[in-house]
Every structure is written in C-alpha cells, then in structure tokens.
C-alpha atoms as a PDB file:
ATOM      1  CA  MET A   1      68.880 -49.105   4.170  1.00  0.00           C
ATOM      2  CA  ARG A   2      66.021 -47.635   2.159  1.00  0.00           C
ATOM      3  CA  SER A   3      66.394 -50.348  -0.492  1.00  0.00           C
ATOM      4  CA  ILE A   4      65.948 -52.971   2.222  1.00  0.00           C
ATOM      5  CA  ILE A   5      62.773 -51.208   3.360  1.00  0.00           C
ATOM      6  CA  CYS A   6      61.567 -51.082  -0.237  1.00  0.00           C
ATOM      7  CA  LEU A   7      62.308 -54.775  -0.635  1.00  0.00           C
ATOM      8  CA  VAL A   8      60.323 -55.549   2.510  1.00  0.00           C
ATOM      9  CA  LEU A   9      57.454 -53.403   1.226  1.00  0.00           C
ATOM     10  CA  LEU A  10      57.565 -55.212  -2.094  1.00  0.00           C
ATOM     11  CA  VAL A  11      57.508 -58.653  -0.499  1.00  0.00           C
ATOM     12  CA  SER A  12      54.770 -57.682   1.952  1.00  0.00           C
ATOM     13  CA  SER A  13      52.597 -56.201  -0.792  1.00  0.00           C
ATOM     14  CA  THR A  14      52.982 -59.413  -2.787  1.00  0.00           C
ATOM     15  CA  ALA A  15      52.164 -61.466   0.300  1.00  0.00           C
ATOM     16  CA  LEU A  16      49.142 -59.289   1.044  1.00  0.00           C
ATOM     17  CA  ALA A  17      47.920 -59.660  -2.508  1.00  0.00           C
ATOM     18  CA  ASP A  18      48.333 -63.435  -2.221  1.00  0.00           C
ATOM     19  CA  SER A  19      46.655 -63.604   1.186  1.00  0.00           C
ATOM     20  CA  GLY A  20      43.856 -61.343   0.011  1.00  0.00           C
ATOM     21  CA  SER A  21      42.959 -63.771  -2.753  1.00  0.00           C
ATOM     22  CA  ALA A  22      43.276 -66.789  -0.451  1.00  0.00           C
ATOM     23  CA  ALA A  23      41.530 -65.218   2.557  1.00  0.00           C
ATOM     24  CA  GLY A  24      38.042 -66.067   1.419  1.00  0.00           C
ATOM     25  CA  SER A  25      38.879 -69.533   0.150  1.00  0.00           C
ATOM     26  CA  GLY A  26      38.032 -71.224   3.436  1.00  0.00           C
ATOM     27  CA  SER A  27      41.164 -73.331   3.365  1.00  0.00           C
ATOM     28  CA  ALA A  28      41.567 -73.389   7.144  1.00  0.00           C
ATOM     29  CA  PRO A  29      39.015 -75.339   9.152  1.00  0.00           C
ATOM     30  CA  ALA A  30      36.935 -73.468  11.699  1.00  0.00           C
ATOM     31  CA  GLY A  31      38.613 -73.112  15.066  1.00  0.00           C
ATOM     32  CA  SER A  32      42.093 -73.797  13.718  1.00  0.00           C
ATOM     33  CA  SER A  33      44.921 -71.373  14.161  1.00  0.00           C
ATOM     34  CA  ALA A  34      46.494 -71.849  10.748  1.00  0.00           C
ATOM     35  CA  GLY A  35      48.325 -68.723   9.754  1.00  0.00           C
ATOM     36  CA  SER A  36      47.573 -66.926  13.019  1.00  0.00           C
ATOM     37  CA  GLY A  37      50.986 -67.548  14.528  1.00  0.00           C
ATOM     38  CA  VAL A  38      49.438 -69.012  17.672  1.00  0.00           C
ATOM     39  CA  PRO A  39      49.688 -72.763  18.140  1.00  0.00           C
ATOM     40  CA  SER A  40      46.397 -74.484  18.856  1.00  0.00           C
ATOM     41  CA  ALA A  41      45.720 -76.289  22.109  1.00  0.00           C
ATOM     42  CA  GLY A  42      46.263 -79.717  20.586  1.00  0.00           C
ATOM     43  CA  ALA A  43      49.416 -78.703  18.725  1.00  0.00           C
ATOM     44  CA  GLY A  44      51.836 -79.815  21.420  1.00  0.00           C
ATOM     45  CA  SER A  45      52.490 -83.479  22.040  1.00  0.00           C
ATOM     46  CA  GLY A  46      52.958 -83.104  25.771  1.00  0.00           C
ATOM     47  CA  SER A  47      56.735 -83.326  25.503  1.00  0.00           C
ATOM     48  CA  ALA A  48      57.372 -79.726  26.549  1.00  0.00           C
ATOM     49  CA  PRO A  49      59.551 -79.445  29.673  1.00  0.00           C
ATOM     50  CA  ALA A  50      57.947 -78.523  32.966  1.00  0.00           C
ATOM     51  CA  ALA A  51      57.943 -74.889  34.072  1.00  0.00           C
ATOM     52  CA  GLY A  52      60.766 -75.357  36.583  1.00  0.00           C
ATOM     53  CA  ALA A  53      62.886 -77.760  34.555  1.00  0.00           C
ATOM     54  CA  ASP A  54      66.584 -77.056  34.146  1.00  0.00           C
ATOM     55  CA  THR A  55      66.650 -78.200  30.518  1.00  0.00           C
ATOM     56  CA  PRO A  56      66.544 -75.423  27.951  1.00  0.00           C
ATOM     57  CA  SER A  57      63.278 -75.243  26.090  1.00  0.00           C
ATOM     58  CA  ALA A  58      63.274 -75.626  22.340  1.00  0.00           C
ATOM     59  CA  PRO A  59      62.207 -72.563  20.360  1.00  0.00           C
ATOM     60  CA  ILE A  60      58.580 -72.536  19.375  1.00  0.00           C
ATOM     61  CA  PRO A  61      58.398 -73.234  15.649  1.00  0.00           C
ATOM     62  CA  ILE A  62      56.684 -70.627  13.543  1.00  0.00           C
ATOM     63  CA  PRO A  63      53.880 -72.241  11.581  1.00  0.00           C
ATOM     64  CA  GLY A  64      54.203 -71.988   7.842  1.00  0.00           C
ATOM     65  CA  PRO A  65      51.443 -71.543   5.345  1.00  0.00           C
ATOM     66  CA  PRO A  66      48.673 -74.105   5.488  1.00  0.00           C
ATOM     67  CA  PRO A  67      49.044 -77.067   3.150  1.00  0.00           C
ATOM     68  CA  PRO A  68      47.347 -76.640  -0.194  1.00  0.00           C
ATOM     69  CA  VAL A  69      43.792 -77.864  -0.317  1.00  0.00           C
ATOM     70  CA  GLU A  70      43.324 -80.782  -2.659  1.00  0.00           C
ATOM     71  CA  PRO A  71      40.620 -79.981  -5.207  1.00  0.00           C
ATOM     72  CA  ASN A  72      37.432 -81.968  -5.111  1.00  0.00           C
ATOM     73  CA  PRO A  73      37.402 -84.064  -8.305  1.00  0.00           C
ATOM     74  CA  ALA A  74      33.604 -83.891  -8.580  1.00  0.00           C
ATOM     75  CA  ALA A  75      33.614 -80.089  -8.212  1.00  0.00           C
ATOM     76  CA  ARG A  76      36.427 -79.787 -10.747  1.00  0.00           C
ATOM     77  CA  LYS A  77      34.518 -81.953 -13.217  1.00  0.00           C
ATOM     78  CA  ALA A  78      31.368 -79.864 -12.722  1.00  0.00           C
ATOM     79  CA  CYS A  79      33.328 -76.637 -13.255  1.00  0.00           C
ATOM     80  CA  VAL A  80      34.971 -77.943 -16.434  1.00  0.00           C
ATOM     81  CA  GLU A  81      31.586 -79.054 -17.785  1.00  0.00           C
ATOM     82  CA  ALA A  82      30.058 -75.643 -16.983  1.00  0.00           C
ATOM     83  CA  MET A  83      32.912 -73.841 -18.719  1.00  0.00           C
ATOM     84  CA  ASN A  84      32.733 -76.127 -21.761  1.00  0.00           C
ATOM     85  CA  GLY A  85      28.952 -75.817 -21.882  1.00  0.00           C
ATOM     86  CA  ASP A  86      28.849 -72.010 -21.778  1.00  0.00           C
ATOM     87  CA  PRO A  87      31.651 -70.161 -23.634  1.00  0.00           C
ATOM     88  CA  ALA A  88      30.482 -66.817 -22.198  1.00  0.00           C
ATOM     89  CA  PHE A  89      30.940 -68.230 -18.673  1.00  0.00           C
ATOM     90  CA  ALA A  90      34.434 -69.429 -19.607  1.00  0.00           C
ATOM     91  CA  ASP A  91      35.283 -65.973 -21.003  1.00  0.00           C
ATOM     92  CA  ARG A  92      34.061 -64.296 -17.799  1.00  0.00           C
ATOM     93  CA  ILE A  93      36.222 -66.616 -15.698  1.00  0.00           C
ATOM     94  CA  VAL A  94      39.276 -65.935 -17.862  1.00  0.00           C
ATOM     95  CA  LYS A  95      38.638 -62.167 -17.755  1.00  0.00           C
ATOM     96  CA  THR A  96      38.231 -62.282 -13.973  1.00  0.00           C
ATOM     97  CA  ALA A  97      41.528 -64.160 -13.625  1.00  0.00           C
ATOM     98  CA  GLU A  98      43.248 -61.647 -15.924  1.00  0.00           C
ATOM     99  CA  VAL A  99      41.870 -58.697 -13.919  1.00  0.00           C
ATOM    100  CA  GLN A 100      43.062 -60.257 -10.649  1.00  0.00           C
ATOM    101  CA  LEU A 101      46.513 -60.889 -12.130  1.00  0.00           C
ATOM    102  CA  HIS A 102      46.652 -57.354 -13.525  1.00  0.00           C
ATOM    103  CA  ASP A 103      45.670 -55.874 -10.127  1.00  0.00           C
ATOM    104  CA  LYS A 104      48.315 -57.962  -8.376  1.00  0.00           C
ATOM    105  CA  LEU A 105      51.011 -56.921 -10.873  1.00  0.00           C
ATOM    106  CA  MET A 106      49.976 -53.272 -10.615  1.00  0.00           C
ATOM    107  CA  ALA A 107      50.260 -53.365  -6.812  1.00  0.00           C
ATOM    108  CA  VAL A 108      53.775 -54.746  -7.124  1.00  0.00           C
ATOM    109  CA  GLN A 109      54.686 -52.184  -9.805  1.00  0.00           C
ATOM    110  CA  VAL A 110      53.332 -49.289  -7.738  1.00  0.00           C
ATOM    111  CA  THR A 111      55.466 -50.410  -4.812  1.00  0.00           C
ATOM    112  CA  LYS A 112      58.528 -50.607  -7.071  1.00  0.00           C
ATOM    113  CA  ASP A 113      57.769 -47.152  -8.471  1.00  0.00           C
ATOM    114  CA  VAL A 114      57.414 -45.659  -4.991  1.00  0.00           C
ATOM    115  CA  CYS A 115      60.744 -47.168  -3.988  1.00  0.00           C
ATOM    116  CA  THR A 116      62.395 -45.890  -7.173  1.00  0.00           C
ATOM    117  CA  LEU A 117      61.037 -42.380  -6.629  1.00  0.00           C
ATOM    118  CA  ARG A 118      62.243 -42.419  -3.023  1.00  0.00           C
ATOM    119  CA  ASP A 119      65.712 -43.576  -4.124  1.00  0.00           C
ATOM    120  CA  HIS A 120      65.856 -40.870  -6.813  1.00  0.00           C
ATOM    121  CA  GLY A 121      64.822 -38.214  -4.279  1.00  0.00           C
ATOM    122  CA  ASP A 122      67.525 -39.381  -1.881  1.00  0.00           C
ATOM    123  CA  SER A 123      70.115 -39.321  -4.668  1.00  0.00           C
ATOM    124  CA  GLN A 124      69.024 -35.844  -5.692  1.00  0.00           C
ATOM    125  CA  ALA A 125      69.355 -34.618  -2.107  1.00  0.00           C
ATOM    126  CA  ASP A 126      72.824 -36.182  -1.847  1.00  0.00           C
ATOM    127  CA  VAL A 127      73.960 -34.532  -5.077  1.00  0.00           C
ATOM    128  CA  ALA A 128      72.552 -31.167  -3.992  1.00  0.00           C
ATOM    129  CA  LYS A 129      74.335 -31.465  -0.656  1.00  0.00           C
ATOM    130  CA  ASN A 130      77.582 -32.556  -2.273  1.00  0.00           C
ATOM    131  CA  LYS A 131      77.482 -29.700  -4.808  1.00  0.00           C
ATOM    132  CA  LYS A 132      78.415 -27.350  -1.981  1.00  0.00           C
ATOM    133  CA  HIS A 133      81.389 -29.514  -1.109  1.00  0.00           C
ATOM    134  CA  VAL A 134      82.534 -29.701  -4.723  1.00  0.00           C
ATOM    135  CA  LEU A 135      82.171 -25.928  -5.095  1.00  0.00           C
ATOM    136  CA  MET A 136      84.196 -25.382  -1.928  1.00  0.00           C
ATOM    137  CA  ALA A 137      86.899 -27.749  -3.212  1.00  0.00           C
ATOM    138  CA  TYR A 138      87.113 -25.855  -6.526  1.00  0.00           C
ATOM    139  CA  ILE A 139      87.338 -22.538  -4.702  1.00  0.00           C
ATOM    140  CA  ALA A 140      90.117 -23.894  -2.482  1.00  0.00           C
ATOM    141  CA  MET A 141      92.039 -25.215  -5.498  1.00  0.00           C
ATOM    142  CA  TRP A 142      91.714 -21.856  -7.332  1.00  0.00           C
ATOM    143  CA  LEU A 143      92.934 -20.022  -4.223  1.00  0.00           C
ATOM    144  CA  VAL A 144      95.937 -22.345  -3.966  1.00  0.00           C
ATOM    145  CA  ALA A 145      96.677 -21.883  -7.680  1.00  0.00           C
ATOM    146  CA  ALA A 146      96.326 -18.069  -7.425  1.00  0.00           C
ATOM    147  CA  GLY A 147      98.575 -18.042  -4.342  1.00  0.00           C
ATOM    148  CA  PHE A 148     101.194 -20.088  -6.189  1.00  0.00           C
ATOM    149  CA  VAL A 149     101.084 -17.750  -9.202  1.00  0.00           C
ATOM    150  CA  MET A 150     101.469 -14.728  -6.872  1.00  0.00           C
ATOM    151  CA  PHE A 151     104.419 -16.434  -5.166  1.00  0.00           C
ATOM    152  CA  LEU A 152     106.109 -17.078  -8.519  1.00  0.00           C
ATOM    153  CA  TRP A 153     105.433 -13.504  -9.711  1.00  0.00           C
ATOM    154  CA  ARG A 154     106.975 -11.992  -6.558  1.00  0.00           C
ATOM    155  CA  LYS A 155     109.967 -14.335  -6.854  1.00  0.00           C
ATOM    156  CA  GLN A 156     110.412 -13.272 -10.501  1.00  0.00           C
ATOM    157  CA  GLN A 157     110.222  -9.575  -9.544  1.00  0.00           C
ATOM    158  CA  ALA A 158     112.861 -10.143  -6.854  1.00  0.00           C
ATOM    159  CA  LEU A 159     115.099 -11.918  -9.388  1.00  0.00           C
ATOM    160  CA  LYS A 160     114.676  -9.024 -11.878  1.00  0.00           C
ATOM    161  CA  VAL A 161     115.691  -6.535  -9.178  1.00  0.00           C
ATOM    162  CA  GLU A 162     118.707  -8.658  -8.253  1.00  0.00           C
ATOM    163  CA  ILE A 163     119.748  -8.987 -11.931  1.00  0.00           C
ATOM    164  CA  ALA A 164     119.435  -5.192 -12.331  1.00  0.00           C
ATOM    165  CA  ASN A 165     121.604  -4.663  -9.214  1.00  0.00           C
ATOM    166  CA  LEU A 166     124.225  -7.122 -10.495  1.00  0.00           C
ATOM    167  CA  ARG A 167     124.317  -5.366 -13.906  1.00  0.00           C
ATOM    168  CA  ARG A 168     124.756  -2.006 -12.246  1.00  0.00           C
ATOM    169  CA  ASP A 169     127.552  -3.388 -10.077  1.00  0.00           C
ATOM    170  CA  LEU A 170     129.182  -4.972 -13.140  1.00  0.00           C
ATOM    171  CA  ASP A 171     128.923  -1.730 -15.138  1.00  0.00           C
ATOM    172  CA  ALA A 172     130.363   0.206 -12.203  1.00  0.00           C
ATOM    173  CA  ALA A 173     133.225  -2.274 -11.845  1.00  0.00           C
ATOM    174  CA  THR A 174     134.101  -2.160 -15.552  1.00  0.00           C
ATOM    175  CA  LYS A 175     134.023   1.674 -15.712  1.00  0.00           C
ATOM    176  CA  ASP A 176     135.971   2.311 -12.544  1.00  0.00           C
ATOM    177  CA  PRO A 177     139.639   1.276 -12.983  1.00  0.00           C
ATOM    178  CA  LYS A 178     141.284   0.672  -9.644  1.00  0.00           C
END
C-alpha cells in the first residue's frame, strides 16, 4: 500500500514539475477552462438530455491536457538568430535549461528517496516485531527438545531399574534349587 502511495507521490511530483514550467507559458487563452476540470459554457453541443429525461446521461468527460501550442515561425527564427549572434546568450539559455532539468530530476529523486526510506523503516519495524516471534519459536522448540530428552532419560532409568530387578530375580532363581 505504501509503495502505491509513493508511486502516486512520484507521479504527482513529476506532474507538478511539468505544470510548474508550463504554468507561465500562457498556452490557454484567457477565459478558457483548459486544465481546470470544469467544462466551459460553450463546451456542450446542446445534446445533453433534459433534467427529467428517463435516458441515462453519459458521463462527463474529463478534459485532458491542452493541445500543444504551435511555435510561431517568425519568433523561432528570431530566437535562433539571437542565439547564433550571441554565443554568451546561447550558453545562458543552455545553462538555464540544464538547471531546470536538474531541478526536475532532483525533485523526482528526492521523492524516490523519501519512499525508499519509508519502505526501509517499515521493513525494519517488521523485522523488529518478528524478532520476538522468532525468539518465542526458538524457546518453544528448545523446551520441546528438553522435554523429550527428559522423557528419554526417565524411560532409560526405568529400563535400568527393570533390568536390575530381572537380574536379581534370575540370580535368585539360579541359586535357589527347588
């Protein structure tokens, strides 16, 4: 169960890192409900059943991520020219992209590490709890073994006494002529 929670945390931290970098991109037009989970007023086509209709209503679809924004060719050309014209600017852009990637990977790694530490703590608690059970099982087995050895020892002592009695009876029978 905890690994499922860790997996959800991992996916959500990745999604948050992705949404954090795309939040300021302005990809959704003003007034739209893209990504909000609420359909806009013009989203329906008027084919929804009336409030008192006997037909079952179709489930409301959950909107997916907004479609990718097509880059503006003129802006792309201007950016490429600026990067080619100024190598320091190009280096800053590359370093910024590397820092963002590093931060995103570190967030994912931290989440994995937290999950791993939690799993190790749970395992340690389970082993500590089960040590008592293992110790009790060993004690029970030693008690059974000691009881069995005592049983055999008493049986052997009884057999020795019986052998001694039989020898005495045999000696008495051989000495006493009837």
